[in-house]
Amino acid sequence: MPNRNTDPLHQLIHSLERAEKRNFKLYITRNSASGNLKVVQLFDALDKMSHYDEAQLLKKNPAFQKQQLSNLKAHLYQEILASVRLLQQNENIDLQLNEQLDFARILYNKGLNIQSLKVLDRVKELAKANNQVTYIQQVLFLEKKIEALYITRSMQDRAAKLCKESDETNLRLSNISTLSNLSLLLYEWYIRHGHARNESDKKALAVYFNHPLLHENEQEKGFYEKLYAYQCYCWYAFITQDFLMYYRYCSKWTELFKAEPKMMEIETAHYIKGMHNLLGAHFDLRNYRKFNETVKELEAFMEMPFVQNNMNHTVQCFTYLYTAKLNRHFMEGSFTRGLQLIPEIEEKLEAYEDYLDRHRTLVFYYKVASLYFGSGDPASSIDYLNKIINLKVDLRSDLQCYARLLHLIAHYELGNNDYLKYLLKSVYRFMGKMQHLSAAEEAIFKFLKQSFHSLPNQTKPLFEQLLATLKDMADDKMETRAFMYLDVISWLESKIQRKPVQTIIRQKFLSAKKRLSDA
């Protein structure tokens, strides 16, 4: 994996849009007595550097002394953030609410308590209209402080109303916090382990999923309570491979935003994530028509200005859109055509290296490796699988295991028998250590061992025997996890029928499509 940029200031400057850079120059000049500021010189110098090199920076800019550089950089960092905040304060509900709260505190400190309360009223209404419960709590805290210390506009029941509203807000915040915790814990479990491997895993997940808050009346919940509850159901269903439940709650997740469209702009990342999961549900259920409709919906949403003008959203959309594009080729059996996506994906991975987490990069590597394998190029598949295998990270143990299994099968395809004997033991030990050896994987390993001692014309019965064994396991979710990472059934059918694996998958896709059109 490429090395990440290690200097925060350099990274911040290179994340700025042209308008933000221009605004910074205006801001710093306007707020300084001197037009020739060292911070501007430092800004320009760092802006010109493609990679941060302190020695080169000092050599080319003798005005900067090494002993003062640290303080100068810290000052520039703060000034950039201040200028960007001013530029974006009307584009973000959090910045708007924070600004108004600051105004209320300034008025309070000046003894203008009635004016402060009027501002707080406006902040509270704006927060309620946009589901921003944490800001309601902050408003109530300052309101109670003013009412407790000064005679203002207090009515007979003012204290009781404030206390009741405060209790209700605190309860909502507590519920939101609990549900978001559960969602995060379930998602973290998936990032570490992947899909449930056995009954022990399901029991571990049930500790989170059986929380009473998740099973309360849905109608009584607010926006964020519903959002995090739906996420919990999605993660649990996906991990346990209950794809109908997964689809149902992915739909609820995205429909929640469509019921309150303004929240798409406030919680854009959550909406994009919901669309990604809905695409995943359509893919798992092989719902090709709905899958394509959702892709078009995501592409249209990506054109919205509040998506285009936010790097997090841009990177997120790239990740999920191209994941969907790769998945479409897996569904269609059009692996060779899908290879055209790889140069663009690699270009984006390099461009976004400072913004992408390693989990997403690993997923792309695995999908590209699967694309090459399905297209009949196991050697190129091995190149990408090696990137996963050689990367030492403590996440997605399932992906680590199945990358090694596909790596093993790719070497089998290439006929590297001498290497396979060593590799077979290594992969078997690794998967056993990671507790990813189900009966399905045991059967695959048994077949590979037997194939070493069989002549080429004697392997067909072994393929047929393994295919029958795996098909018998099709209804056991704990045994078919491997099929989600590698369509081993289609690979076996391709070996038996002596056809490319993508031809087999393509035939299945066209047959399913014809059945739907005839229905």
Protein backbone atom coordinates (compact mmCIF):
# COMPACT_ATOMS: atom_id res chain seq x y z
CA MET A 1 0.00 0.00 0.00
CA PRO A 2 1.22 3.55 -0.69
CA ASN A 3 2.65 5.58 2.16
CA ARG A 4 0.22 8.12 3.56
CA ASN A 5 1.01 11.82 3.70
CA THR A 6 2.36 12.40 7.22
CA ASP A 7 2.27 16.20 7.48
CA PRO A 8 -1.21 17.43 8.53
CA LEU A 9 -0.72 21.02 7.32
CA HIS A 10 0.47 19.95 3.86
CA GLN A 11 -2.44 17.55 3.64
CA LEU A 12 -4.93 20.25 4.70
CA ILE A 13 -3.63 22.76 2.12
CA HIS A 14 -3.85 20.21 -0.68
CA SER A 15 -7.42 19.35 0.32
CA LEU A 16 -8.56 22.96 -0.26
CA GLU A 17 -10.62 23.91 -3.30
CA ARG A 18 -9.52 26.86 -5.45
CA ALA A 19 -12.21 29.11 -3.93
CA GLU A 20 -11.09 28.14 -0.42
CA LYS A 21 -7.46 29.04 -1.24
CA ARG A 22 -8.53 32.40 -2.66
CA ASN A 23 -10.71 33.07 0.39
CA PHE A 24 -7.79 32.25 2.71
CA LYS A 25 -5.59 34.86 1.01
CA LEU A 26 -8.33 37.49 1.36
CA TYR A 27 -8.99 36.49 4.96
CA ILE A 28 -5.36 36.58 6.09
CA THR A 29 -4.66 39.88 4.32
CA ARG A 30 -7.79 41.49 5.75
CA ASN A 31 -6.94 40.36 9.29
CA SER A 32 -3.29 41.40 9.23
CA ALA A 33 -1.53 44.72 9.30
CA SER A 34 1.11 43.52 6.86
CA GLY A 35 0.45 42.19 3.39
CA ASN A 36 3.76 40.28 3.29
CA LEU A 37 3.08 37.67 5.92
CA LYS A 38 5.24 34.66 6.59
CA VAL A 39 2.13 32.50 6.92
CA VAL A 40 1.17 33.39 3.34
CA GLN A 41 4.69 32.58 2.16
CA LEU A 42 4.53 29.26 3.99
CA PHE A 43 1.08 28.57 2.52
CA ASP A 44 2.36 29.21 -1.02
CA ALA A 45 5.49 27.13 -0.47
CA LEU A 46 3.55 24.13 0.83
CA ASP A 47 0.92 24.51 -1.90
CA LYS A 48 3.65 24.09 -4.52
CA MET A 49 5.11 20.94 -2.90
CA SER A 50 3.62 17.70 -4.19
CA HIS A 51 5.15 15.81 -1.21
CA TYR A 52 6.19 17.30 2.10
CA ASP A 53 9.95 17.62 2.57
CA GLU A 54 11.00 19.86 5.46
CA ALA A 55 14.66 20.04 4.45
CA GLN A 56 13.70 21.12 0.94
CA LEU A 57 11.20 23.63 2.34
CA LEU A 58 13.83 25.33 4.51
CA LYS A 59 16.42 25.29 1.73
CA LYS A 60 14.13 26.99 -0.80
CA ASN A 61 12.71 29.46 1.73
CA PRO A 62 15.54 30.99 3.81
CA ALA A 63 13.03 33.36 5.48
CA PHE A 64 11.81 30.41 7.56
CA GLN A 65 14.00 29.54 10.52
CA LYS A 66 13.96 25.91 11.61
CA GLN A 67 13.30 26.81 15.24
CA GLN A 68 10.23 28.92 14.36
CA LEU A 69 8.78 26.60 11.70
CA SER A 70 6.72 24.54 14.14
CA ASN A 71 4.93 27.60 15.59
CA LEU A 72 4.47 29.09 12.12
CA LYS A 73 2.86 25.89 10.86
CA ALA A 74 0.54 25.68 13.87
CA HIS A 75 -0.54 29.31 13.33
CA LEU A 76 -1.15 28.74 9.61
CA TYR A 77 -3.16 25.59 10.35
CA GLN A 78 -5.50 27.54 12.67
CA GLU A 79 -5.87 30.43 10.22
CA ILE A 80 -6.81 28.10 7.36
CA LEU A 81 -9.51 26.42 9.44
CA ALA A 82 -10.86 29.80 10.55
CA SER A 83 -11.07 31.04 6.94
CA VAL A 84 -12.79 27.87 5.73
CA ARG A 85 -15.26 28.04 8.62
CA LEU A 86 -16.28 31.56 7.58
CA LEU A 87 -16.71 30.45 3.98
CA GLN A 88 -18.84 27.43 4.85
CA GLN A 89 -20.85 28.73 7.81
CA ASN A 90 -24.07 29.00 5.77
CA GLU A 91 -23.66 25.60 4.11
CA ASN A 92 -23.67 23.42 7.21
CA ILE A 93 -26.37 23.18 9.88
CA ASP A 94 -23.79 22.42 12.60
CA LEU A 95 -21.83 25.58 11.82
CA GLN A 96 -25.03 27.66 11.73
CA LEU A 97 -26.20 26.34 15.10
CA ASN A 98 -22.78 26.74 16.69
CA GLU A 99 -22.56 30.32 15.46
CA GLN A 100 -25.98 31.21 16.89
CA LEU A 101 -25.10 29.54 20.21
CA ASP A 102 -21.91 31.62 20.30
CA PHE A 103 -23.99 34.75 19.74
CA ALA A 104 -26.33 33.78 22.60
CA ARG A 105 -23.35 33.26 24.94
CA ILE A 106 -21.82 36.62 23.95
CA LEU A 107 -25.14 38.39 24.68
CA TYR A 108 -25.41 36.56 28.01
CA ASN A 109 -21.87 37.57 29.00
CA LYS A 110 -22.74 41.18 28.25
CA GLY A 111 -25.74 40.98 30.57
CA LEU A 112 -28.26 41.14 27.71
CA ASN A 113 -30.20 38.14 29.00
CA ILE A 114 -33.52 38.79 27.25
CA GLN A 115 -31.74 39.14 23.90
CA SER A 116 -29.81 35.95 24.64
CA LEU A 117 -33.06 34.04 25.34
CA LYS A 118 -34.56 35.25 22.06
CA VAL A 119 -31.55 33.94 20.14
CA LEU A 120 -31.80 30.65 22.05
CA ASP A 121 -35.45 30.34 21.03
CA ARG A 122 -34.44 30.63 17.37
CA VAL A 123 -31.61 28.12 17.83
CA LYS A 124 -33.98 25.65 19.47
CA GLU A 125 -36.54 25.88 16.65
CA LEU A 126 -33.82 25.46 14.01
CA ALA A 127 -32.39 22.47 15.88
CA LYS A 128 -35.80 20.81 16.21
CA ALA A 129 -36.57 21.37 12.52
CA ASN A 130 -33.33 19.57 11.60
CA ASN A 131 -33.38 16.78 14.24
CA GLN A 132 -30.28 18.17 15.99
CA VAL A 133 -31.00 16.94 19.51
CA THR A 134 -27.57 17.71 20.97
CA TYR A 135 -28.03 21.41 20.22
CA ILE A 136 -31.44 21.40 21.91
CA GLN A 137 -29.69 20.11 25.03
CA GLN A 138 -27.11 22.93 24.86
CA VAL A 139 -29.86 25.53 24.45
CA LEU A 140 -31.78 24.16 27.43
CA PHE A 141 -28.63 24.18 29.57
CA LEU A 142 -28.09 27.91 28.94
CA GLU A 143 -31.81 28.70 29.28
CA LYS A 144 -31.93 27.01 32.69
CA LYS A 145 -28.78 28.85 33.76
CA ILE A 146 -30.30 32.24 32.87
CA GLU A 147 -33.64 31.43 34.51
CA ALA A 148 -31.93 30.24 37.68
CA LEU A 149 -29.70 33.29 38.10
CA TYR A 150 -31.77 36.21 36.82
CA ILE A 151 -35.35 37.47 36.83
CA THR A 152 -36.19 37.46 33.13
CA ARG A 153 -39.49 36.55 31.51
CA SER A 154 -40.25 33.76 33.98
CA MET A 155 -43.81 32.57 34.08
CA GLN A 156 -45.36 30.55 36.87
CA ASP A 157 -44.63 27.21 35.17
CA ARG A 158 -41.48 28.21 33.25
CA ALA A 159 -39.21 26.12 35.47
CA ALA A 160 -41.44 23.06 35.21
CA LYS A 161 -41.59 23.34 31.40
CA LEU A 162 -37.82 23.68 31.09
CA CYS A 163 -37.22 20.72 33.39
CA LYS A 164 -39.72 18.54 31.50
CA GLU A 165 -38.21 19.47 28.13
CA SER A 166 -34.72 18.84 29.50
CA ASP A 167 -35.70 15.37 30.80
CA GLU A 168 -37.28 14.45 27.44
CA THR A 169 -34.22 15.65 25.53
CA ASN A 170 -31.84 13.77 27.82
CA LEU A 171 -33.87 10.57 27.36
CA ARG A 172 -33.78 10.98 23.58
CA LEU A 173 -30.03 11.58 23.65
CA SER A 174 -29.53 8.53 25.86
CA ASN A 175 -31.53 6.36 23.44
CA ILE A 176 -29.71 7.74 20.40
CA SER A 177 -26.36 7.14 22.09
CA THR A 178 -27.30 3.55 23.04
CA LEU A 179 -28.56 2.71 19.54
CA SER A 180 -25.56 4.29 17.82
CA ASN A 181 -23.28 2.31 20.17
CA LEU A 182 -25.04 -0.93 19.21
CA SER A 183 -24.77 -0.08 15.53
CA LEU A 184 -21.08 0.71 15.84
CA LEU A 185 -20.34 -2.48 17.82
CA LEU A 186 -22.13 -4.66 15.26
CA TYR A 187 -20.32 -2.97 12.38
CA GLU A 188 -16.98 -3.29 14.16
CA TRP A 189 -17.68 -7.01 14.66
CA TYR A 190 -18.18 -7.36 10.90
CA ILE A 191 -15.03 -5.39 10.05
CA ARG A 192 -13.01 -7.69 12.31
CA HIS A 193 -14.58 -11.05 11.49
CA GLY A 194 -16.83 -10.81 8.43
CA HIS A 195 -19.86 -13.09 8.34
CA ALA A 196 -20.87 -15.31 11.26
CA ARG A 197 -18.87 -18.52 11.22
CA ASN A 198 -20.75 -20.65 13.73
CA GLU A 199 -23.35 -20.68 16.51
CA SER A 200 -20.83 -19.16 18.90
CA ASP A 201 -20.59 -16.09 16.64
CA LYS A 202 -24.37 -15.81 16.50
CA LYS A 203 -24.55 -15.88 20.30
CA ALA A 204 -21.93 -13.11 20.48
CA LEU A 205 -23.98 -11.00 18.06
CA ALA A 206 -27.21 -11.66 19.98
CA VAL A 207 -25.73 -9.85 22.99
CA TYR A 208 -26.00 -6.63 20.96
CA PHE A 209 -29.06 -7.44 18.89
CA ASN A 210 -31.31 -8.46 21.78
CA HIS A 211 -31.14 -5.03 23.42
CA PRO A 212 -34.71 -3.94 24.36
CA LEU A 213 -34.37 -0.54 22.64
CA LEU A 214 -34.05 -2.25 19.27
CA HIS A 215 -37.43 -3.90 19.65
CA GLU A 216 -39.50 -0.96 20.86
CA ASN A 217 -42.38 0.50 18.83
CA GLU A 218 -40.85 2.01 15.70
CA GLN A 219 -43.44 4.80 15.49
CA GLU A 220 -42.31 6.24 18.84
CA LYS A 221 -38.76 6.81 17.64
CA GLY A 222 -37.33 10.02 16.14
CA PHE A 223 -35.15 10.27 13.03
CA TYR A 224 -31.83 9.32 14.60
CA GLU A 225 -33.33 6.59 16.78
CA LYS A 226 -34.81 4.99 13.65
CA LEU A 227 -31.62 5.48 11.65
CA TYR A 228 -29.40 3.69 14.15
CA ALA A 229 -32.00 0.98 14.83
CA TYR A 230 -32.27 0.24 11.08
CA GLN A 231 -28.48 0.10 10.87
CA CYS A 232 -28.39 -2.45 13.70
CA TYR A 233 -30.88 -4.65 11.89
CA CYS A 234 -28.92 -4.28 8.64
CA TRP A 235 -25.57 -5.25 10.18
CA TYR A 236 -27.05 -8.17 12.10
CA ALA A 237 -28.94 -9.50 9.06
CA PHE A 238 -25.93 -9.11 6.78
CA ILE A 239 -23.51 -10.79 9.19
CA THR A 240 -25.89 -13.71 9.71
CA GLN A 241 -26.72 -13.83 5.97
CA ASP A 242 -30.43 -13.21 6.41
CA PHE A 243 -30.60 -11.34 3.12
CA LEU A 244 -34.37 -10.77 3.10
CA MET A 245 -34.14 -9.01 6.48
CA TYR A 246 -31.07 -7.17 5.20
CA TYR A 247 -33.01 -5.92 2.16
CA ARG A 248 -36.03 -4.93 4.26
CA TYR A 249 -34.03 -2.74 6.65
CA CYS A 250 -31.77 -1.28 3.96
CA SER A 251 -34.99 -0.12 2.29
CA LYS A 252 -36.24 1.37 5.58
CA TRP A 253 -32.88 3.11 6.01
CA THR A 254 -33.05 4.90 2.63
CA GLU A 255 -36.82 5.54 2.83
CA LEU A 256 -36.25 7.32 6.15
CA PHE A 257 -34.26 9.97 4.28
CA LYS A 258 -36.78 10.20 1.47
CA ALA A 259 -39.47 10.96 4.06
CA GLU A 260 -37.31 13.87 5.32
CA PRO A 261 -35.29 15.01 2.25
CA LYS A 262 -33.53 17.83 4.14
CA MET A 263 -31.71 15.15 6.14
CA MET A 264 -29.98 13.98 2.94
CA GLU A 265 -27.93 17.17 3.07
CA ILE A 266 -27.41 17.08 6.85
CA GLU A 267 -26.47 13.39 7.08
CA THR A 268 -25.25 12.83 3.52
CA ALA A 269 -22.71 10.17 4.47
CA HIS A 270 -25.36 8.07 6.23
CA TYR A 271 -27.65 8.28 3.19
CA ILE A 272 -24.87 7.26 0.78
CA LYS A 273 -23.99 4.37 3.10
CA GLY A 274 -27.65 3.32 3.12
CA MET A 275 -27.72 3.35 -0.69
CA HIS A 276 -24.57 1.22 -0.73
CA ASN A 277 -26.15 -1.32 1.59
CA LEU A 278 -29.34 -1.36 -0.49
CA LEU A 279 -27.21 -2.09 -3.56
CA GLY A 280 -25.53 -4.87 -1.59
CA ALA A 281 -28.92 -6.34 -0.68
CA HIS A 282 -30.04 -6.32 -4.33
CA PHE A 283 -26.75 -7.96 -5.28
CA ASP A 284 -27.04 -10.70 -2.65
CA LEU A 285 -30.62 -11.43 -3.74
CA ARG A 286 -29.63 -11.16 -7.44
CA ASN A 287 -32.34 -8.54 -7.95
CA TYR A 288 -30.80 -7.25 -11.18
CA ARG A 289 -33.49 -4.76 -12.24
CA LYS A 290 -33.73 -3.07 -8.83
CA PHE A 291 -29.94 -3.10 -8.59
CA ASN A 292 -29.61 -1.08 -11.80
CA GLU A 293 -32.36 1.33 -10.74
CA THR A 294 -30.55 1.99 -7.45
CA VAL A 295 -27.22 2.54 -9.26
CA LYS A 296 -28.87 5.22 -11.41
CA GLU A 297 -30.40 6.78 -8.30
CA LEU A 298 -26.98 6.92 -6.62
CA GLU A 299 -25.35 8.41 -9.73
CA ALA A 300 -28.02 11.14 -9.86
CA PHE A 301 -27.53 11.89 -6.16
CA MET A 302 -23.77 12.19 -6.69
CA GLU A 303 -24.37 15.24 -8.90
CA MET A 304 -25.88 17.24 -6.04
CA PRO A 305 -23.67 20.26 -5.15
CA PHE A 306 -23.46 19.34 -1.45
CA VAL A 307 -22.04 15.96 -2.51
CA GLN A 308 -19.66 17.35 -5.14
CA ASN A 309 -18.26 19.97 -2.75
CA ASN A 310 -17.35 17.57 0.04
CA MET A 311 -14.29 15.33 -0.26
CA ASN A 312 -15.63 12.74 2.21
CA HIS A 313 -18.79 12.36 0.13
CA THR A 314 -16.84 12.28 -3.15
CA VAL A 315 -14.57 9.47 -1.94
CA GLN A 316 -17.51 7.61 -0.41
CA CYS A 317 -19.47 7.80 -3.68
CA PHE A 318 -16.47 6.57 -5.68
CA THR A 319 -16.03 3.62 -3.31
CA TYR A 320 -19.65 2.52 -3.37
CA LEU A 321 -20.40 3.26 -7.03
CA TYR A 322 -17.39 1.29 -8.29
CA THR A 323 -18.10 -1.53 -5.86
CA ALA A 324 -21.57 -1.68 -7.44
CA LYS A 325 -20.12 -1.57 -10.97
CA LEU A 326 -17.83 -4.51 -10.17
CA ASN A 327 -20.71 -6.41 -8.56
CA ARG A 328 -22.80 -5.90 -11.70
CA HIS A 329 -20.14 -7.68 -13.75
CA PHE A 330 -20.12 -10.51 -11.20
CA MET A 331 -23.90 -10.83 -11.58
CA GLU A 332 -23.82 -10.65 -15.37
CA GLY A 333 -20.86 -12.98 -15.78
CA SER A 334 -19.18 -10.24 -17.85
CA PHE A 335 -15.79 -10.52 -16.16
CA THR A 336 -13.65 -9.72 -19.21
CA ARG A 337 -15.67 -6.57 -19.95
CA GLY A 338 -15.34 -5.58 -16.31
CA LEU A 339 -11.54 -5.44 -16.62
CA GLN A 340 -11.98 -2.06 -18.34
CA LEU A 341 -12.82 -0.58 -14.92
CA ILE A 342 -9.48 -1.51 -13.36
CA PRO A 343 -7.29 1.39 -14.68
CA GLU A 344 -9.87 3.92 -13.48
CA ILE A 345 -10.15 2.23 -10.08
CA GLU A 346 -6.36 2.18 -9.65
CA GLU A 347 -6.15 5.86 -10.62
CA LYS A 348 -8.79 6.79 -8.04
CA LEU A 349 -7.18 4.63 -5.34
CA GLU A 350 -3.95 6.55 -5.84
CA ALA A 351 -5.69 9.94 -5.96
CA TYR A 352 -7.67 9.22 -2.78
CA GLU A 353 -4.96 7.36 -0.86
CA ASP A 354 -5.03 9.94 1.97
CA TYR A 355 -8.80 9.58 2.38
CA LEU A 356 -9.52 5.87 1.90
CA ASP A 357 -9.41 3.48 4.83
CA ARG A 358 -7.54 0.23 4.38
CA HIS A 359 -10.66 -1.87 4.68
CA ARG A 360 -12.09 -0.34 1.49
CA THR A 361 -8.80 -0.76 -0.36
CA LEU A 362 -8.68 -4.43 0.68
CA VAL A 363 -12.21 -4.97 -0.64
CA PHE A 364 -11.24 -3.40 -3.99
CA TYR A 365 -8.15 -5.62 -4.23
CA TYR A 366 -10.25 -8.72 -3.59
CA LYS A 367 -12.91 -7.75 -6.09
CA VAL A 368 -10.33 -6.96 -8.78
CA ALA A 369 -8.62 -10.29 -8.06
CA SER A 370 -11.99 -12.06 -8.43
CA LEU A 371 -12.60 -10.20 -11.69
CA TYR A 372 -9.29 -11.40 -13.13
CA PHE A 373 -9.93 -14.95 -11.92
CA GLY A 374 -13.40 -14.99 -13.46
CA SER A 375 -12.03 -13.65 -16.74
CA GLY A 376 -9.61 -16.57 -16.98
CA ASP A 377 -6.44 -14.74 -15.84
CA PRO A 378 -5.40 -16.43 -12.56
CA ALA A 379 -1.86 -14.96 -12.75
CA SER A 380 -3.15 -11.37 -12.54
CA SER A 381 -5.59 -12.48 -9.85
CA ILE A 382 -2.63 -13.71 -7.77
CA ASP A 383 -0.91 -10.30 -8.11
CA TYR A 384 -3.85 -8.58 -6.38
CA LEU A 385 -4.34 -11.33 -3.83
CA ASN A 386 -0.69 -10.97 -2.81
CA LYS A 387 -1.40 -7.32 -1.96
CA ILE A 388 -3.97 -8.52 0.58
CA ILE A 389 -1.89 -11.41 1.90
CA ASN A 390 1.24 -9.28 2.35
CA LEU A 391 -0.59 -6.49 4.16
CA LYS A 392 -0.51 -7.06 7.90
CA VAL A 393 -3.77 -5.63 9.21
CA ASP A 394 -6.08 -6.69 12.02
CA LEU A 395 -9.37 -6.49 10.13
CA ARG A 396 -11.64 -8.59 7.94
CA SER A 397 -10.19 -11.95 8.96
CA ASP A 398 -12.74 -13.47 6.57
CA LEU A 399 -11.33 -11.53 3.62
CA GLN A 400 -7.80 -12.49 4.65
CA CYS A 401 -8.83 -16.16 4.69
CA TYR A 402 -10.75 -16.23 1.41
CA ALA A 403 -8.04 -14.24 -0.35
CA ARG A 404 -5.71 -17.11 0.55
CA LEU A 405 -8.25 -19.69 -0.58
CA LEU A 406 -8.73 -17.96 -3.95
CA HIS A 407 -4.93 -17.60 -4.15
CA LEU A 408 -4.67 -21.36 -3.67
CA ILE A 409 -7.26 -22.11 -6.38
CA ALA A 410 -5.59 -19.64 -8.78
CA HIS A 411 -2.28 -21.53 -8.39
CA TYR A 412 -4.24 -24.77 -8.95
CA GLU A 413 -5.54 -23.30 -12.22
CA LEU A 414 -1.97 -22.46 -13.26
CA GLY A 415 -0.82 -26.02 -12.47
CA ASN A 416 1.79 -24.92 -9.91
CA ASN A 417 1.67 -28.29 -8.14
CA ASP A 418 5.05 -28.08 -6.41
CA TYR A 419 4.17 -24.75 -4.82
CA LEU A 420 0.63 -25.92 -4.05
CA LYS A 421 1.80 -28.66 -1.67
CA TYR A 422 3.44 -26.06 0.57
CA LEU A 423 0.68 -23.51 0.07
CA LEU A 424 -2.08 -25.96 0.96
CA LYS A 425 -0.64 -26.57 4.44
CA SER A 426 0.00 -22.86 5.01
CA VAL A 427 -3.53 -21.77 4.04
CA TYR A 428 -5.13 -24.62 5.99
CA ARG A 429 -3.23 -23.61 9.14
CA PHE A 430 -4.09 -19.93 8.68
CA MET A 431 -7.81 -20.56 8.21
CA GLY A 432 -7.85 -22.91 11.17
CA LYS A 433 -6.15 -20.31 13.35
CA MET A 434 -8.74 -17.71 12.24
CA GLN A 435 -11.59 -20.19 12.90
CA HIS A 436 -12.74 -20.01 9.28
CA LEU A 437 -12.66 -23.74 8.51
CA SER A 438 -16.26 -24.79 7.90
CA ALA A 439 -17.28 -28.13 6.42
CA ALA A 440 -17.41 -26.47 2.98
CA GLU A 441 -13.78 -25.32 3.22
CA GLU A 442 -12.73 -28.73 4.61
CA ALA A 443 -14.30 -30.34 1.54
CA ILE A 444 -12.41 -27.98 -0.80
CA PHE A 445 -9.10 -28.75 0.93
CA LYS A 446 -9.81 -32.48 0.76
CA PHE A 447 -10.45 -32.21 -2.98
CA LEU A 448 -7.21 -30.28 -3.58
CA LYS A 449 -5.18 -32.86 -1.67
CA GLN A 450 -6.73 -35.71 -3.65
CA SER A 451 -6.17 -33.93 -6.96
CA PHE A 452 -2.38 -33.98 -6.42
CA HIS A 453 -2.41 -37.76 -6.69
CA SER A 454 -4.78 -37.96 -9.66
CA LEU A 455 -4.08 -37.91 -13.36
CA PRO A 456 -5.75 -35.10 -15.36
CA ASN A 457 -8.30 -37.52 -16.87
CA GLN A 458 -9.24 -38.75 -13.36
CA THR A 459 -10.14 -35.36 -11.83
CA LYS A 460 -13.64 -35.01 -13.27
CA PRO A 461 -15.21 -37.45 -10.75
CA LEU A 462 -13.49 -35.48 -7.96
CA PHE A 463 -15.00 -32.24 -9.24
CA GLU A 464 -18.43 -33.86 -9.45
CA GLN A 465 -18.11 -35.28 -5.94
CA LEU A 466 -17.11 -31.88 -4.48
CA LEU A 467 -19.94 -30.14 -6.37
CA ALA A 468 -22.51 -32.58 -4.97
CA THR A 469 -21.11 -32.14 -1.44
CA LEU A 470 -21.27 -28.34 -1.61
CA LYS A 471 -24.76 -28.31 -3.10
CA ASP A 472 -25.95 -30.40 -0.16
CA MET A 473 -24.75 -27.59 2.11
CA ALA A 474 -26.58 -24.85 0.18
CA ASP A 475 -29.29 -24.37 2.81
CA ASP A 476 -26.89 -24.03 5.76
CA LYS A 477 -25.82 -20.40 6.04
CA MET A 478 -22.91 -21.26 8.30
CA GLU A 479 -21.52 -23.54 5.58
CA THR A 480 -21.99 -21.34 2.53
CA ARG A 481 -20.03 -18.26 3.61
CA ALA A 482 -17.28 -19.18 1.15
CA PHE A 483 -19.72 -18.93 -1.76
CA MET A 484 -20.17 -15.21 -1.03
CA TYR A 485 -16.48 -14.58 -1.65
CA LEU A 486 -15.91 -17.07 -4.46
CA ASP A 487 -18.56 -18.64 -6.66
CA VAL A 488 -17.00 -22.04 -6.14
CA ILE A 489 -20.14 -23.80 -7.45
CA SER A 490 -19.78 -22.10 -10.85
CA TRP A 491 -16.03 -22.79 -10.85
CA LEU A 492 -16.67 -26.52 -10.30
CA GLU A 493 -19.35 -26.55 -13.02
CA SER A 494 -16.91 -24.85 -15.38
CA LYS A 495 -14.30 -27.56 -14.74
CA ILE A 496 -16.85 -30.34 -15.25
CA GLN A 497 -18.33 -28.82 -18.42
CA ARG A 498 -14.93 -27.62 -19.68
CA LYS A 499 -16.17 -24.06 -20.13
CA PRO A 500 -14.79 -20.74 -18.83
CA VAL A 501 -16.24 -19.85 -15.43
CA GLN A 502 -17.62 -16.56 -16.74
CA THR A 503 -19.54 -18.50 -19.43
CA ILE A 504 -21.22 -20.59 -16.73
CA ILE A 505 -22.17 -17.51 -14.67
CA ARG A 506 -23.34 -15.69 -17.80
CA GLN A 507 -25.62 -18.59 -18.74
CA LYS A 508 -27.13 -18.61 -15.25
CA PHE A 509 -27.70 -14.86 -15.40
CA LEU A 510 -29.41 -14.99 -18.80
CA SER A 511 -31.60 -17.93 -17.73
CA ALA A 512 -32.70 -16.10 -14.57
CA LYS A 513 -33.39 -12.94 -16.58
CA LYS A 514 -35.51 -14.90 -19.07
CA ARG A 515 -37.51 -16.53 -16.26
CA LEU A 516 -38.30 -13.11 -14.80
CA SER A 517 -39.38 -11.69 -18.16
CA ASP A 518 -41.61 -14.75 -18.81
CA ALA A 519 -43.22 -14.53 -15.35
